[in-house]
Amino acid sequence: MRLVNLKNVMAGMTLAKGIYSCEGKVLLAEGVTLTGSYIDRLKEMSIHEVYIEDAISKDIQIRDIINDQTRIAAKTTIYQVVRDLKLKKSFDMYLVNETINRIVDDLLSNKNIIINLTDLRSADEYTFSHSVNVAVISIVIGKTLGYNQLKLRDLGIGALLHDIGKTEIPLSILNKPGKLESDEIEIMRKHTVYGYEILKQYPNISILSRGISLMHHERIDGTGYPYGKKGDEIHEFAKIVAIADTYDAMTSNRIYKKKVAPEKAIEYLISTGNYNYDYNIVKLFLNHVTIYPVGTIVRLNTKQKGIVMDNNQYSPTRPIVRILKDQNIDDNCEFEEIDLQKNLTVFIEETCDE
């Protein structure tokens, strides 16, 4: 399978990965042949990319680091939490605990973790998918730091609920397509305090988990909010979630901003390490994130285009790439596979849509 921008998707292509709503309902099932009406509906839902299966991408397997059913259930959980809070009801803490337990179990059973997030989301459902991704990335970092299972659970709960205070922010600000005014920025920043106050009402949520909602926008150099804390004044949980939050936000399409390629987000985290983020944690994160995810289309310095089919764990900039020998993608198309780790004169110049 390969990841294709929706503007390049044509009727007759085969969907390689199912698309689900935030409520866990199947919108389009894996294996469906896409029609013009299906493609139009995906555009209406603000879904920008889909995974397709064709001759050039056959046998390329894109595996998420958590089970697909775990991801679907987690997104449904955070959807229900947000829904209940907006209705001024208490959310189901048992459901949150079960969700985090499933994510932790999936990640602890995965020995060679490379973050290759495969969730297909609409811009309107950003909050739910983002919360799950931040929890997954944070737990990966916590595992790398040697956290035990209990500590991973506390970190995961706080990460999953890190933006819960946004339920108190007006939708006119949350979903504003343009730049926020200064007064709107101040209102938005209050989501950290709101989140902490909400989670204080749940005695089963540890103070460290609650602190994530309050401090995940604090920065090492004191330029963050709400209190401008610096360095060791910021708890390690919040430092971890700050990195996960930034990476997933940058690599996600949102109502007001298009995503950037993973390599650009990684470059940003490296360049701001020890200013905005804890650079030691950034380095640990970089050991477990792929610069060029499997299924991504790339352009090489040879001017050829290809699909990333596998990653080299110790050479993240030099994956194995499948290159089409001619321009026709059909059952008889020919391709070659190049391991960039073994072909040092060939390198990736950029990622591209098609």
Protein backbone atom coordinates (compact mmCIF):
# COMPACT_ATOMS: atom_id res chain seq x y z
CA MET A 1 0.00 0.00 0.00
CA ARG A 2 1.01 3.64 -0.34
CA LEU A 3 -0.17 6.99 0.96
CA VAL A 4 -1.78 9.17 -1.71
CA ASN A 5 -2.96 12.78 -1.48
CA LEU A 6 -6.69 12.86 -2.18
CA LYS A 7 -6.19 15.29 -5.09
CA ASN A 8 -4.32 12.48 -6.87
CA VAL A 9 -6.83 9.74 -6.09
CA MET A 10 -8.85 8.51 -9.06
CA ALA A 11 -12.00 6.45 -9.37
CA GLY A 12 -11.16 2.76 -9.65
CA MET A 13 -8.34 2.81 -7.09
CA THR A 14 -8.55 0.31 -4.23
CA LEU A 15 -8.63 1.52 -0.63
CA ALA A 16 -5.91 -0.30 1.32
CA LYS A 17 -6.78 0.88 4.83
CA GLY A 18 -10.27 1.40 6.22
CA ILE A 19 -11.50 4.81 7.32
CA TYR A 20 -13.39 5.14 10.59
CA SER A 21 -15.32 7.91 12.29
CA CYS A 22 -14.38 9.14 15.75
CA GLU A 23 -17.28 7.04 17.02
CA GLY A 24 -15.67 3.88 15.65
CA LYS A 25 -18.07 3.50 12.72
CA VAL A 26 -16.77 2.28 9.36
CA LEU A 27 -16.95 5.08 6.81
CA LEU A 28 -15.17 3.21 4.04
CA ALA A 29 -13.95 -0.36 4.43
CA GLU A 30 -10.57 -1.72 3.42
CA GLY A 31 -10.69 -3.18 -0.10
CA VAL A 32 -13.42 -0.85 -1.39
CA THR A 33 -13.06 0.34 -4.97
CA LEU A 34 -13.20 4.12 -4.84
CA THR A 35 -15.82 5.89 -6.95
CA GLY A 36 -16.21 9.54 -7.82
CA SER A 37 -18.92 9.94 -5.19
CA TYR A 38 -16.76 8.31 -2.52
CA ILE A 39 -13.89 10.65 -3.36
CA ASP A 40 -16.20 13.69 -3.24
CA ARG A 41 -17.49 12.57 0.15
CA LEU A 42 -13.92 12.23 1.49
CA LYS A 43 -13.22 15.79 0.34
CA GLU A 44 -16.34 17.02 2.13
CA MET A 45 -15.08 15.33 5.30
CA SER A 46 -11.72 17.15 4.97
CA ILE A 47 -9.80 13.89 4.64
CA HIS A 48 -6.66 14.81 2.72
CA GLU A 49 -4.97 11.43 2.20
CA VAL A 50 -5.84 7.76 1.84
CA TYR A 51 -3.89 4.54 1.59
CA ILE A 52 -4.35 2.74 -1.70
CA GLU A 53 -3.25 -0.66 -3.01
CA ASP A 54 -1.96 -0.93 -6.56
CA ALA A 55 0.68 -2.70 -8.64
CA ILE A 56 3.59 -0.45 -7.62
CA SER A 57 2.75 -0.70 -3.89
CA LYS A 58 1.85 -4.38 -3.67
CA ASP A 59 3.42 -6.23 -0.75
CA ILE A 60 4.35 -2.98 1.02
CA GLN A 61 2.98 -3.35 4.54
CA ILE A 62 2.42 -0.28 6.70
CA ARG A 63 2.14 -1.30 10.33
CA ASP A 64 1.05 1.04 13.07
CA ILE A 65 2.88 0.65 16.37
CA ILE A 66 -0.41 -0.13 18.09
CA ASN A 67 -3.16 -2.50 16.98
CA ASP A 68 -5.74 -0.96 14.62
CA GLN A 69 -8.56 -1.94 16.97
CA THR A 70 -6.72 -0.36 19.90
CA ARG A 71 -6.42 2.90 17.95
CA ILE A 72 -10.09 2.89 16.92
CA ALA A 73 -11.18 2.20 20.51
CA ALA A 74 -8.88 4.92 21.87
CA LYS A 75 -10.22 7.53 19.47
CA THR A 76 -13.78 6.56 20.41
CA THR A 77 -12.88 6.89 24.11
CA ILE A 78 -11.57 10.43 23.80
CA TYR A 79 -14.58 11.34 21.64
CA GLN A 80 -16.89 10.12 24.42
CA VAL A 81 -14.89 11.97 27.08
CA VAL A 82 -15.16 15.24 25.16
CA ARG A 83 -18.85 14.68 24.45
CA ASP A 84 -19.63 14.04 28.12
CA LEU A 85 -17.72 17.10 29.32
CA LYS A 86 -19.50 19.33 26.82
CA LEU A 87 -22.78 17.97 28.19
CA LYS A 88 -21.51 18.84 31.71
CA LYS A 89 -21.43 15.16 32.63
CA SER A 90 -18.67 13.14 34.29
CA PHE A 91 -16.70 11.03 31.84
CA ASP A 92 -16.09 7.29 32.30
CA MET A 93 -12.68 6.96 33.97
CA TYR A 94 -12.85 3.17 33.72
CA LEU A 95 -12.97 3.51 29.93
CA VAL A 96 -9.92 5.83 29.97
CA ASN A 97 -7.97 3.36 32.12
CA GLU A 98 -8.87 0.45 29.85
CA THR A 99 -7.81 2.44 26.79
CA ILE A 100 -4.42 3.31 28.23
CA ASN A 101 -3.89 -0.27 29.42
CA ARG A 102 -4.46 -1.50 25.85
CA ILE A 103 -2.02 1.05 24.40
CA VAL A 104 0.63 0.24 27.02
CA ASP A 105 0.21 -3.50 26.44
CA ASP A 106 0.57 -3.04 22.67
CA LEU A 107 3.72 -0.97 23.04
CA LEU A 108 5.35 -3.20 25.67
CA SER A 109 4.87 -6.21 23.38
CA ASN A 110 6.52 -4.33 20.49
CA LYS A 111 10.30 -4.71 20.85
CA ASN A 112 11.52 -2.62 17.93
CA ILE A 113 9.37 0.49 18.09
CA ILE A 114 9.53 2.86 15.14
CA ILE A 115 6.83 5.54 15.19
CA ASN A 116 4.98 5.30 11.88
CA LEU A 117 1.57 6.79 12.63
CA THR A 118 -1.00 5.59 10.09
CA ASP A 119 -4.25 7.10 11.34
CA LEU A 120 -6.40 8.63 8.59
CA ARG A 121 -8.26 11.56 10.04
CA SER A 122 -10.40 14.43 8.92
CA ALA A 123 -9.37 17.94 9.91
CA ASP A 124 -12.62 18.20 11.88
CA GLU A 125 -11.64 15.19 14.02
CA TYR A 126 -8.14 16.48 14.73
CA THR A 127 -8.65 16.67 18.51
CA PHE A 128 -9.50 12.98 18.92
CA SER A 129 -6.76 11.53 16.70
CA HIS A 130 -4.23 14.02 18.06
CA SER A 131 -4.94 13.03 21.67
CA VAL A 132 -4.40 9.34 20.85
CA ASN A 133 -1.18 10.02 18.93
CA VAL A 134 0.20 12.16 21.74
CA ALA A 135 -0.52 9.37 24.21
CA VAL A 136 1.17 6.77 21.97
CA ILE A 137 4.27 8.89 21.33
CA SER A 138 4.56 9.84 25.01
CA ILE A 139 4.38 6.21 26.13
CA VAL A 140 7.05 5.28 23.57
CA ILE A 141 9.33 7.95 25.04
CA GLY A 142 8.49 6.82 28.59
CA LYS A 143 9.34 3.24 27.67
CA THR A 144 12.69 4.43 26.30
CA LEU A 145 13.33 6.24 29.59
CA GLY A 146 12.80 2.95 31.45
CA TYR A 147 9.45 3.77 33.07
CA ASN A 148 7.67 0.85 34.72
CA GLN A 149 4.14 -0.09 33.73
CA LEU A 150 2.47 2.00 36.44
CA LYS A 151 4.44 5.09 35.47
CA LEU A 152 3.64 4.52 31.80
CA ARG A 153 -0.06 4.37 32.67
CA ASP A 154 0.07 7.68 34.56
CA LEU A 155 1.96 9.28 31.69
CA GLY A 156 -0.48 7.84 29.14
CA ILE A 157 -3.59 9.01 30.99
CA GLY A 158 -2.24 12.55 31.28
CA ALA A 159 -1.15 12.55 27.63
CA LEU A 160 -4.51 11.27 26.37
CA LEU A 161 -6.31 13.98 28.37
CA HIS A 162 -3.72 16.75 27.90
CA ASP A 163 -6.02 19.00 25.84
CA ILE A 164 -9.22 18.28 27.74
CA GLY A 165 -9.43 21.92 28.84
CA LYS A 166 -10.29 22.87 25.26
CA THR A 167 -13.83 21.69 25.98
CA GLU A 168 -14.17 25.03 27.80
CA ILE A 169 -12.92 27.10 24.83
CA PRO A 170 -15.53 28.54 22.42
CA LEU A 171 -15.73 26.70 19.09
CA SER A 172 -15.46 30.04 17.30
CA ILE A 173 -11.88 30.22 18.58
CA LEU A 174 -11.02 26.51 18.41
CA ASN A 175 -12.17 26.20 14.79
CA LYS A 176 -11.19 29.64 13.54
CA PRO A 177 -9.63 29.16 10.08
CA GLY A 178 -7.43 32.25 10.31
CA LYS A 179 -4.91 33.69 12.73
CA LEU A 180 -6.12 34.29 16.29
CA GLU A 181 -6.25 37.83 17.65
CA SER A 182 -4.30 38.60 20.83
CA ASP A 183 -7.39 38.37 23.05
CA GLU A 184 -8.34 35.07 21.43
CA ILE A 185 -4.84 33.72 22.06
CA GLU A 186 -5.21 34.55 25.76
CA ILE A 187 -8.53 32.68 25.89
CA MET A 188 -7.01 29.69 24.09
CA ARG A 189 -4.09 29.55 26.50
CA LYS A 190 -6.50 29.12 29.39
CA HIS A 191 -7.18 25.55 28.25
CA THR A 192 -4.19 24.41 30.31
CA VAL A 193 -5.67 25.70 33.57
CA TYR A 194 -9.17 24.58 32.61
CA GLY A 195 -7.87 21.08 31.94
CA TYR A 196 -6.14 20.86 35.29
CA GLU A 197 -9.30 22.01 37.11
CA ILE A 198 -11.41 19.43 35.26
CA LEU A 199 -9.05 16.56 36.09
CA LYS A 200 -8.88 17.60 39.77
CA GLN A 201 -12.46 16.37 40.02
CA TYR A 202 -11.33 12.78 39.37
CA PRO A 203 -9.53 11.41 42.45
CA ASN A 204 -8.28 8.36 40.53
CA ILE A 205 -6.19 10.57 38.24
CA SER A 206 -2.78 11.14 39.81
CA ILE A 207 -1.42 14.62 40.40
CA LEU A 208 1.37 13.89 37.90
CA SER A 209 -1.18 13.00 35.22
CA ARG A 210 -3.16 16.15 36.00
CA GLY A 211 -0.01 18.24 35.84
CA ILE A 212 0.46 17.35 32.18
CA SER A 213 -2.68 19.25 31.20
CA LEU A 214 -1.40 22.28 33.11
CA MET A 215 2.23 22.29 31.97
CA HIS A 216 2.47 20.79 28.47
CA HIS A 217 2.89 24.27 26.95
CA GLU A 218 5.66 25.31 29.34
CA ARG A 219 9.06 25.62 27.67
CA ILE A 220 12.59 24.98 28.95
CA ASP A 221 13.66 28.61 28.43
CA GLY A 222 10.66 30.02 30.30
CA THR A 223 8.81 31.29 27.20
CA GLY A 224 5.85 28.94 27.64
CA TYR A 225 2.56 29.26 29.50
CA PRO A 226 0.62 29.46 31.77
CA TYR A 227 3.34 30.25 34.35
CA GLY A 228 6.56 30.65 32.35
CA LYS A 229 8.31 27.85 34.23
CA LYS A 230 11.87 26.92 33.27
CA GLY A 231 14.07 23.81 33.12
CA ASP A 232 13.65 21.51 36.08
CA GLU A 233 10.61 23.46 37.27
CA ILE A 234 8.74 21.54 34.57
CA HIS A 235 7.94 17.91 35.40
CA GLU A 236 9.42 15.28 33.06
CA PHE A 237 5.93 14.07 32.08
CA ALA A 238 5.08 17.53 30.76
CA LYS A 239 8.42 17.75 28.91
CA ILE A 240 7.64 14.46 27.18
CA VAL A 241 4.12 15.46 26.19
CA ALA A 242 5.34 18.85 24.93
CA ILE A 243 7.51 17.04 22.36
CA ALA A 244 4.79 14.55 21.40
CA ASP A 245 2.21 17.33 21.15
CA THR A 246 4.40 19.50 18.91
CA TYR A 247 5.44 16.67 16.59
CA ASP A 248 1.92 15.37 16.00
CA ALA A 249 0.46 18.89 15.63
CA MET A 250 3.04 19.80 13.01
CA THR A 251 2.55 16.57 11.01
CA SER A 252 -1.27 16.79 11.02
CA ASN A 253 -3.66 18.66 8.76
CA ARG A 254 -5.78 21.12 10.69
CA ILE A 255 -8.58 23.47 9.78
CA TYR A 256 -6.25 26.47 9.67
CA LYS A 257 -2.95 24.85 8.68
CA LYS A 258 -1.60 22.13 6.42
CA LYS A 259 0.73 19.53 7.82
CA VAL A 260 4.49 19.51 7.30
CA ALA A 261 6.54 16.44 6.37
CA PRO A 262 7.99 14.44 9.30
CA GLU A 263 11.53 15.51 8.42
CA LYS A 264 10.54 19.18 8.79
CA ALA A 265 8.98 18.56 12.22
CA ILE A 266 12.08 16.64 13.29
CA GLU A 267 14.31 19.45 12.05
CA TYR A 268 12.25 21.92 14.11
CA LEU A 269 12.54 19.84 17.30
CA ILE A 270 16.30 19.52 16.83
CA SER A 271 16.77 23.23 16.16
CA THR A 272 14.75 24.24 19.23
CA GLY A 273 16.18 21.62 21.57
CA ASN A 274 17.48 23.11 24.84
CA TYR A 275 15.44 26.25 24.13
CA ASN A 276 11.87 25.04 23.95
CA TYR A 277 12.31 21.36 24.73
CA ASP A 278 14.48 19.03 26.79
CA TYR A 279 17.09 18.04 24.22
CA ASN A 280 17.94 14.77 25.95
CA ILE A 281 14.31 13.68 25.56
CA VAL A 282 14.24 14.97 21.96
CA LYS A 283 17.22 12.72 21.15
CA LEU A 284 15.48 9.69 22.66
CA PHE A 285 12.38 10.48 20.62
CA LEU A 286 14.42 10.75 17.41
CA ASN A 287 15.69 7.20 17.93
CA HIS A 288 12.14 5.93 17.52
CA VAL A 289 10.60 8.08 14.79
CA THR A 290 10.94 7.47 11.09
CA ILE A 291 11.86 10.45 8.94
CA TYR A 292 10.35 8.87 5.84
CA PRO A 293 7.39 6.69 6.85
CA VAL A 294 6.69 3.51 4.89
CA GLY A 295 4.32 4.25 1.99
CA THR A 296 5.60 7.82 1.54
CA ILE A 297 6.42 8.96 -2.00
CA VAL A 298 9.89 10.52 -2.31
CA ARG A 299 12.01 12.17 -4.98
CA LEU A 300 15.66 11.09 -5.20
CA ASN A 301 18.66 13.11 -6.33
CA THR A 302 18.55 10.98 -9.50
CA LYS A 303 15.19 12.74 -10.21
CA GLN A 304 13.42 9.39 -9.92
CA LYS A 305 10.38 9.03 -7.70
CA GLY A 306 9.73 6.04 -5.51
CA ILE A 307 7.84 4.65 -2.54
CA VAL A 308 9.48 4.03 0.81
CA MET A 309 8.97 0.31 1.41
CA ASP A 310 11.03 -0.22 4.56
CA ASN A 311 13.21 1.70 7.00
CA ASN A 312 16.76 1.07 8.12
CA GLN A 313 16.64 1.47 11.89
CA TYR A 314 20.15 2.85 12.24
CA SER A 315 20.08 4.96 9.06
CA PRO A 316 16.75 6.82 9.24
CA THR A 317 17.55 9.04 6.24
CA ARG A 318 18.38 6.01 4.07
CA PRO A 319 15.35 3.73 3.72
CA ILE A 320 14.70 1.07 1.10
CA VAL A 321 12.87 2.65 -1.85
CA ARG A 322 10.85 1.01 -4.62
CA ILE A 323 11.27 2.86 -7.93
CA LEU A 324 8.98 2.51 -10.94
CA LYS A 325 10.96 1.88 -14.14
CA ASP A 326 8.36 3.52 -16.39
CA GLN A 327 5.37 5.84 -15.92
CA ASN A 328 2.66 3.20 -16.22
CA ILE A 329 1.21 1.76 -13.04
CA ASP A 330 -0.54 -1.41 -14.11
CA ASP A 331 -0.36 -5.14 -13.44
CA ASN A 332 2.65 -5.45 -15.74
CA CYS A 333 4.62 -2.50 -14.38
CA GLU A 334 8.28 -3.05 -13.55
CA PHE A 335 10.13 -1.62 -10.61
CA GLU A 336 13.42 -1.92 -8.79
CA GLU A 337 14.22 -1.68 -5.10
CA ILE A 338 17.16 0.36 -3.86
CA ASP A 339 18.59 0.17 -0.35
CA LEU A 340 19.94 3.68 0.16
CA GLN A 341 22.08 2.42 3.03
CA LYS A 342 24.07 0.46 0.44
CA ASN A 343 23.91 3.05 -2.36
CA LEU A 344 25.55 6.09 -0.80
CA THR A 345 25.56 8.19 -3.99
CA VAL A 346 21.75 8.14 -4.05
CA PHE A 347 19.74 10.11 -1.49
CA ILE A 348 16.27 11.52 -0.89
CA GLU A 349 15.80 15.17 -1.84
CA GLU A 350 12.19 15.59 -0.72
CA THR A 351 8.85 13.96 -0.13
CA CYS A 352 6.10 14.60 -2.66
CA ASP A 353 2.38 14.05 -3.20
CA GLU A 354 2.62 11.75 -6.23
